[in-house]
Protein backbone atom coordinates (compact mmCIF):
# COMPACT_ATOMS: atom_id res chain seq x y z
CA MET A 1 -327.54 53.85 2.89
CA ARG A 2 -328.66 57.40 2.30
CA PHE A 3 -326.74 60.45 0.94
CA LEU A 4 -327.07 64.17 0.78
CA ILE A 5 -324.80 65.50 -2.30
CA ASP A 6 -323.20 69.07 -1.43
CA ASN A 7 -323.38 71.77 -4.11
CA ALA A 8 -319.64 71.55 -4.40
CA LEU A 9 -320.00 67.92 -6.22
CA SER A 10 -321.69 67.59 -9.31
CA PRO A 11 -325.49 66.01 -9.23
CA ALA A 12 -323.72 63.11 -11.32
CA VAL A 13 -322.48 61.92 -7.90
CA ALA A 14 -326.30 61.62 -6.81
CA ILE A 15 -327.09 59.42 -10.26
CA GLU A 16 -324.08 57.09 -9.87
CA LEU A 17 -325.00 56.46 -6.40
CA ASN A 18 -328.72 55.79 -7.15
CA ARG A 19 -327.52 53.84 -9.69
CA ALA A 20 -326.07 52.04 -7.47
CA GLY A 21 -328.28 51.34 -5.32
CA HIS A 22 -328.34 53.75 -2.58
CA ASP A 23 -330.88 56.88 -1.79
CA ALA A 24 -328.68 60.21 -2.86
CA VAL A 25 -330.33 63.27 -3.50
CA HIS A 26 -328.31 66.62 -4.95
CA VAL A 27 -328.88 69.90 -2.54
CA ARG A 28 -329.78 71.13 -6.18
CA GLU A 29 -332.63 69.13 -6.22
CA LEU A 30 -333.57 70.67 -2.73
CA GLY A 31 -333.04 73.98 -3.27
CA MET A 32 -330.46 74.01 -1.36
CA GLN A 33 -327.54 75.55 -3.70
CA ALA A 34 -327.19 78.39 -2.15
CA GLY A 35 -327.57 77.11 1.74
CA SER A 36 -325.10 77.67 4.19
CA ASP A 37 -322.98 74.59 5.49
CA GLU A 38 -325.01 74.77 8.84
CA GLU A 39 -328.72 74.39 6.62
CA ILE A 40 -327.33 71.39 4.49
CA PHE A 41 -325.71 69.74 7.29
CA ASP A 42 -329.03 70.62 9.63
CA HIS A 43 -330.98 68.97 6.78
CA ALA A 44 -328.86 65.81 6.55
CA ALA A 45 -329.14 64.97 9.94
CA GLN A 46 -333.35 65.60 10.14
CA ASP A 47 -333.55 63.45 7.11
CA ASP A 48 -330.87 60.82 8.61
CA ARG A 49 -328.35 61.29 5.69
CA VAL A 50 -324.63 61.14 5.22
CA VAL A 51 -323.07 64.57 3.78
CA VAL A 52 -320.73 63.76 0.86
CA SER A 53 -318.75 67.12 -0.05
CA ALA A 54 -315.44 68.00 -1.26
CA ASP A 55 -315.52 71.06 1.23
CA THR A 56 -313.85 70.32 4.36
CA ASP A 57 -315.72 72.74 6.25
CA PHE A 58 -318.00 70.31 7.29
CA GLY A 59 -315.33 68.16 8.98
CA THR A 60 -314.82 71.15 11.34
CA LEU A 61 -318.28 71.27 11.57
CA LEU A 62 -319.45 68.00 13.07
CA ALA A 63 -316.63 68.43 15.25
CA ILE A 64 -318.09 71.30 17.10
CA ARG A 65 -321.47 70.29 17.15
CA ARG A 66 -320.49 66.95 18.72
CA PRO A 67 -321.53 66.36 22.13
CA ARG A 68 -318.59 65.48 24.13
CA ARG A 69 -318.30 61.92 26.08
CA ARG A 70 -317.27 62.60 29.57
């Protein structure tokens, strides 16, 4: 699995996920530590990554952007 670790969490989370065999990158590695939630969400979507965050705003952002089913 591919993860994007948000700035609300330590870069150690990405290190440990990589040690466990996952592909994880922290936003600091991308120079996105000051990026908005929307920018981080968009980058994760473009790079096919799952956002890991302690910030509960990402759930709301996902709900707002998710296409509605008929």
